[in-house]
């Protein structure tokens, strides 16, 4: 990789690592797609087409989260907990369980959006943007 983002790999593969910048950009793209879809479709059309759109967004979101978690040295399976927290607590937490899931979302925002990835290679591969040296 020569500093270029491989968009297909970022959105459709959960292996490897991704840096903070591409992660934040991919997250913004996924949120924008969801917001535009919600705004452009009515409830009836959304009921019919949502069975295709939402699983695609969910899959892509899990791939992006997994790659960023790998960059932080964490298991990609934590993406399942983060996505569950988003589903349960979004858009407005109302009870104790929602509050607990909101803490998970806060942790994920800090861990993945604010803290840099591990400097060297880890069990998930070399740092993003660097070629594998043989």
C-alpha atoms as a PDB file:
ATOM      1  CA  UNK A   1       0.000   0.000   0.000  1.00  0.00           C
ATOM      2  CA  UNK A   2       1.407   3.343  -0.958  1.00  0.00           C
ATOM      3  CA  UNK A   3      -0.816   5.497   1.208  1.00  0.00           C
ATOM      4  CA  UNK A   4      -3.886   4.688  -0.901  1.00  0.00           C
ATOM      5  CA  UNK A   5      -7.064   3.372   0.685  1.00  0.00           C
ATOM      6  CA  UNK A   6      -8.418   0.145  -0.783  1.00  0.00           C
ATOM      7  CA  UNK A   7     -12.119   0.909  -0.303  1.00  0.00           C
ATOM      8  CA  UNK A   8     -13.365  -2.539  -1.253  1.00  0.00           C
ATOM      9  CA  UNK A   9     -11.064  -4.190   1.262  1.00  0.00           C
ATOM     10  CA  UNK A  10     -11.900  -1.630   3.940  1.00  0.00           C
ATOM     11  CA  UNK A  11     -15.662  -2.154   3.641  1.00  0.00           C
ATOM     12  CA  UNK A  12     -15.817  -5.864   2.756  1.00  0.00           C
ATOM     13  CA  UNK A  13     -12.943  -7.594   4.550  1.00  0.00           C
ATOM     14  CA  UNK A  14     -12.494  -7.975   8.289  1.00  0.00           C
ATOM     15  CA  UNK A  15      -8.854  -9.079   8.173  1.00  0.00           C
ATOM     16  CA  UNK A  16      -5.877  -6.812   8.576  1.00  0.00           C
ATOM     17  CA  UNK A  17      -5.594  -3.380  10.132  1.00  0.00           C
ATOM     18  CA  UNK A  18      -6.698   0.155   9.355  1.00  0.00           C
ATOM     19  CA  UNK A  19      -5.488   3.470  10.709  1.00  0.00           C
ATOM     20  CA  UNK A  20      -7.586   6.096  12.458  1.00  0.00           C
ATOM     21  CA  UNK A  21      -8.072   8.370   9.428  1.00  0.00           C
ATOM     22  CA  UNK A  22      -9.549   5.760   7.076  1.00  0.00           C
ATOM     23  CA  UNK A  23     -11.620   4.387   9.961  1.00  0.00           C
ATOM     24  CA  UNK A  24     -13.168   7.779  10.702  1.00  0.00           C
ATOM     25  CA  UNK A  25     -13.762   8.431   6.998  1.00  0.00           C
ATOM     26  CA  UNK A  26     -15.380   5.015   6.487  1.00  0.00           C
ATOM     27  CA  UNK A  27     -17.554   5.536   9.568  1.00  0.00           C
ATOM     28  CA  UNK A  28     -18.712   8.902   8.223  1.00  0.00           C
ATOM     29  CA  UNK A  29     -19.512   7.315   4.838  1.00  0.00           C
ATOM     30  CA  UNK A  30     -21.573   4.524   6.438  1.00  0.00           C
ATOM     31  CA  UNK A  31     -23.485   6.974   8.633  1.00  0.00           C
ATOM     32  CA  UNK A  32     -24.122   9.256   5.631  1.00  0.00           C
ATOM     33  CA  UNK A  33     -25.457   6.335   3.589  1.00  0.00           C
ATOM     34  CA  UNK A  34     -27.777   5.333   6.438  1.00  0.00           C
ATOM     35  CA  UNK A  35     -29.040   8.891   6.935  1.00  0.00           C
ATOM     36  CA  UNK A  36     -29.597   9.436   3.200  1.00  0.00           C
ATOM     37  CA  UNK A  37     -31.395   6.109   2.902  1.00  0.00           C
ATOM     38  CA  UNK A  38     -33.660   6.942   5.841  1.00  0.00           C
ATOM     39  CA  UNK A  39     -34.412  10.387   4.403  1.00  0.00           C
ATOM     40  CA  UNK A  40     -35.046   9.151   0.855  1.00  0.00           C
ATOM     41  CA  UNK A  41     -37.371   6.268   1.645  1.00  0.00           C
ATOM     42  CA  UNK A  42     -40.745   6.131   3.279  1.00  0.00           C
ATOM     43  CA  UNK A  43     -41.730   3.492   5.835  1.00  0.00           C
ATOM     44  CA  UNK A  44     -43.264   1.152   3.255  1.00  0.00           C
ATOM     45  CA  UNK A  45     -40.353   1.266   0.816  1.00  0.00           C
ATOM     46  CA  UNK A  46     -37.906   1.001   3.724  1.00  0.00           C
ATOM     47  CA  UNK A  47     -39.681  -2.151   4.913  1.00  0.00           C
ATOM     48  CA  UNK A  48     -39.156  -3.810   1.527  1.00  0.00           C
ATOM     49  CA  UNK A  49     -35.648  -2.553   0.724  1.00  0.00           C
ATOM     50  CA  UNK A  50     -34.300  -2.473   4.273  1.00  0.00           C
ATOM     51  CA  UNK A  51     -33.779  -6.231   4.174  1.00  0.00           C
ATOM     52  CA  UNK A  52     -30.974  -5.569   1.685  1.00  0.00           C
ATOM     53  CA  UNK A  53     -29.643  -2.161   2.755  1.00  0.00           C
ATOM     54  CA  UNK A  54     -29.372  -2.665   6.519  1.00  0.00           C
ATOM     55  CA  UNK A  55     -27.547  -6.035   6.426  1.00  0.00           C
ATOM     56  CA  UNK A  56     -25.093  -4.520   3.924  1.00  0.00           C
ATOM     57  CA  UNK A  57     -24.456  -1.545   6.190  1.00  0.00           C
ATOM     58  CA  UNK A  58     -24.165  -3.853   9.207  1.00  0.00           C
ATOM     59  CA  UNK A  59     -21.666  -6.112   7.435  1.00  0.00           C
ATOM     60  CA  UNK A  60     -19.558  -3.190   6.223  1.00  0.00           C
ATOM     61  CA  UNK A  61     -19.673  -1.565   9.655  1.00  0.00           C
ATOM     62  CA  UNK A  62     -18.480  -4.767  11.316  1.00  0.00           C
ATOM     63  CA  UNK A  63     -15.616  -5.079   8.811  1.00  0.00           C
ATOM     64  CA  UNK A  64     -14.473  -1.496   9.414  1.00  0.00           C
ATOM     65  CA  UNK A  65     -14.767  -1.874  13.206  1.00  0.00           C
ATOM     66  CA  UNK A  66     -12.906  -5.181  13.123  1.00  0.00           C
ATOM     67  CA  UNK A  67      -9.983  -3.728  11.160  1.00  0.00           C
ATOM     68  CA  UNK A  68      -9.688  -0.778  13.543  1.00  0.00           C
ATOM     69  CA  UNK A  69      -9.882  -3.067  16.577  1.00  0.00           C
ATOM     70  CA  UNK A  70      -7.079  -5.146  15.027  1.00  0.00           C
ATOM     71  CA  UNK A  71      -5.000  -1.981  14.692  1.00  0.00           C
ATOM     72  CA  UNK A  72      -5.438  -1.411  18.418  1.00  0.00           C
ATOM     73  CA  UNK A  73      -4.385  -5.038  19.132  1.00  0.00           C
ATOM     74  CA  UNK A  74      -7.904  -6.161  20.072  1.00  0.00           C
ATOM     75  CA  UNK A  75     -10.023  -9.010  18.770  1.00  0.00           C
ATOM     76  CA  UNK A  76     -12.358  -8.159  15.919  1.00  0.00           C
ATOM     77  CA  UNK A  77     -15.139  -9.995  17.737  1.00  0.00           C
ATOM     78  CA  UNK A  78     -15.504  -6.942  19.984  1.00  0.00           C
ATOM     79  CA  UNK A  79     -17.203  -5.352  16.959  1.00  0.00           C
ATOM     80  CA  UNK A  80     -20.256  -7.502  17.764  1.00  0.00           C
ATOM     81  CA  UNK A  81     -20.548  -5.917  21.215  1.00  0.00           C
ATOM     82  CA  UNK A  82     -20.131  -2.411  19.784  1.00  0.00           C
ATOM     83  CA  UNK A  83     -22.765  -2.997  17.094  1.00  0.00           C
ATOM     84  CA  UNK A  84     -25.146  -4.507  19.677  1.00  0.00           C
ATOM     85  CA  UNK A  85     -24.628  -1.433  21.857  1.00  0.00           C
ATOM     86  CA  UNK A  86     -25.411   0.852  18.920  1.00  0.00           C
ATOM     87  CA  UNK A  87     -28.577  -1.083  18.094  1.00  0.00           C
ATOM     88  CA  UNK A  88     -29.809  -1.105  21.703  1.00  0.00           C
ATOM     89  CA  UNK A  89     -28.908   2.425  22.794  1.00  0.00           C
ATOM     90  CA  UNK A  90     -29.381   4.413  19.590  1.00  0.00           C
ATOM     91  CA  UNK A  91     -30.695   7.126  19.259  1.00  0.00           C
ATOM     92  CA  UNK A  92     -31.641   7.921  22.876  1.00  0.00           C
ATOM     93  CA  UNK A  93     -30.831   5.625  25.802  1.00  0.00           C
ATOM     94  CA  UNK A  94     -33.737   5.392  28.236  1.00  0.00           C
ATOM     95  CA  UNK A  95     -32.953   2.815  30.931  1.00  0.00           C
ATOM     96  CA  UNK A  96     -30.074   1.291  32.864  1.00  0.00           C
ATOM     97  CA  UNK A  97     -29.235  -1.276  30.175  1.00  0.00           C
ATOM     98  CA  UNK A  98     -29.233   1.469  27.545  1.00  0.00           C
ATOM     99  CA  UNK A  99     -26.956   3.517  29.806  1.00  0.00           C
ATOM    100  CA  UNK A 100     -24.555   0.575  30.145  1.00  0.00           C
ATOM    101  CA  UNK A 101     -24.472   0.151  26.378  1.00  0.00           C
ATOM    102  CA  UNK A 102     -23.878   3.895  26.035  1.00  0.00           C
ATOM    103  CA  UNK A 103     -20.699   3.412  28.074  1.00  0.00           C
ATOM    104  CA  UNK A 104     -19.623   0.745  25.573  1.00  0.00           C
ATOM    105  CA  UNK A 105     -20.219   3.233  22.741  1.00  0.00           C
ATOM    106  CA  UNK A 106     -18.234   5.900  24.611  1.00  0.00           C
ATOM    107  CA  UNK A 107     -15.371   3.444  25.181  1.00  0.00           C
ATOM    108  CA  UNK A 108     -15.396   2.489  21.480  1.00  0.00           C
ATOM    109  CA  UNK A 109     -15.394   6.136  20.384  1.00  0.00           C
ATOM    110  CA  UNK A 110     -12.329   6.890  22.517  1.00  0.00           C
ATOM    111  CA  UNK A 111     -10.533   3.600  21.851  1.00  0.00           C
ATOM    112  CA  UNK A 112     -11.053   3.590  18.088  1.00  0.00           C
ATOM    113  CA  UNK A 113     -11.427   7.252  17.198  1.00  0.00           C
ATOM    114  CA  UNK A 114      -8.971   9.020  19.467  1.00  0.00           C
ATOM    115  CA  UNK A 115      -6.131   6.629  20.337  1.00  0.00           C
ATOM    116  CA  UNK A 116      -3.467   5.734  17.784  1.00  0.00           C
ATOM    117  CA  UNK A 117      -2.928   2.133  16.716  1.00  0.00           C
ATOM    118  CA  UNK A 118      -0.050  -0.053  17.804  1.00  0.00           C
ATOM    119  CA  UNK A 119       3.255   1.106  16.311  1.00  0.00           C
ATOM    120  CA  UNK A 120       4.765  -2.168  15.166  1.00  0.00           C
ATOM    121  CA  UNK A 121       3.401  -5.356  13.718  1.00  0.00           C
ATOM    122  CA  UNK A 122       0.992  -7.242  15.915  1.00  0.00           C
ATOM    123  CA  UNK A 123      -0.801 -10.594  15.574  1.00  0.00           C
ATOM    124  CA  UNK A 124      -3.097  -9.039  12.938  1.00  0.00           C
ATOM    125  CA  UNK A 125      -0.340  -7.888  10.603  1.00  0.00           C
ATOM    126  CA  UNK A 126       1.963  -4.960   9.929  1.00  0.00           C
ATOM    127  CA  UNK A 127       0.910  -1.379  10.662  1.00  0.00           C
ATOM    128  CA  UNK A 128      -1.462   0.095   8.078  1.00  0.00           C
ATOM    129  CA  UNK A 129       0.241   1.720   5.111  1.00  0.00           C
ATOM    130  CA  UNK A 130       3.406  -0.340   5.366  1.00  0.00           C
ATOM    131  CA  UNK A 131       4.279  -3.221   3.104  1.00  0.00           C
ATOM    132  CA  UNK A 132       5.084  -6.630   4.532  1.00  0.00           C
ATOM    133  CA  UNK A 133       8.835  -7.133   4.603  1.00  0.00           C
ATOM    134  CA  UNK A 134      10.053 -10.639   3.851  1.00  0.00           C
END
